[in-house]
Every structure is written in structure tokens, then in C-alpha cells.
Amino acid sequence: MKKGRVAAFTDAVLAIIMTILVLELEKPSTPALSAVWELKHSFFSYTLSFFWLGSMWVNIHNEWERIEKISAKTREFDCLQFKQTSRLYTLIQIYTAETL
């Protein structure tokens, strides 16, 4: 498999995860600042997850510059990383609900 294909797949998966993050955001009950403040845990989780995914994306692209050959272990690691990343938002929501 070519390096460009794996990099494109990585971009697509991260873009889907980021899109799901936005779709999971709760909408305020009324168009008021107090209603938005009630959802602070959800918005904080979203923000933290989005920035973490963004930094992960930048670091992955930096690593892809150094990779010369894609092996089966590289693809397996990539899939494992996506599985763990997809759980990130839920874990951050649980953590922030308990600490904020």
C-alpha cells in the first residue's frame, strides 16, 4: 500500500471523528448565554477533544514525512490508534463531568 493512500485514509478518519464531535454537541434550550453556560461541560469536552485531535493530526503528518515503507504493523497500529481516538470524546466527557 502506498504512503499517500494511508495518509488520505488517516485524514478521512480524523475528519469523520471531528464531524461526529460537532454533531454530538447539545443545543442550548434558549438563545441565551445562561443556556449555553449550562452546557459548559459539553462545550469544554468538545474543545479539548478538537484541539487534541488537531495536534494528533499535525503530529501524524510530521511522522508520515519520515516513513518510507508501509508495513502490516504500521496499518495495524494506525487502526488501533483510530479505535482509541474514537473513544476520546466520551472519556473526556466523563472526566469533565466529575471534575468541573
Foldseek 3Di string as FASTA:
>chain_A
DDLVVVLVVLVVLLVVLLVVLVVPQDDFPDPDPVSVVVSVLSVVLNVVLVVVSVVVNVVVVVVSVVDDDDDPVNVVVSVVVSVVSSCSSVVSSVVSVVPD
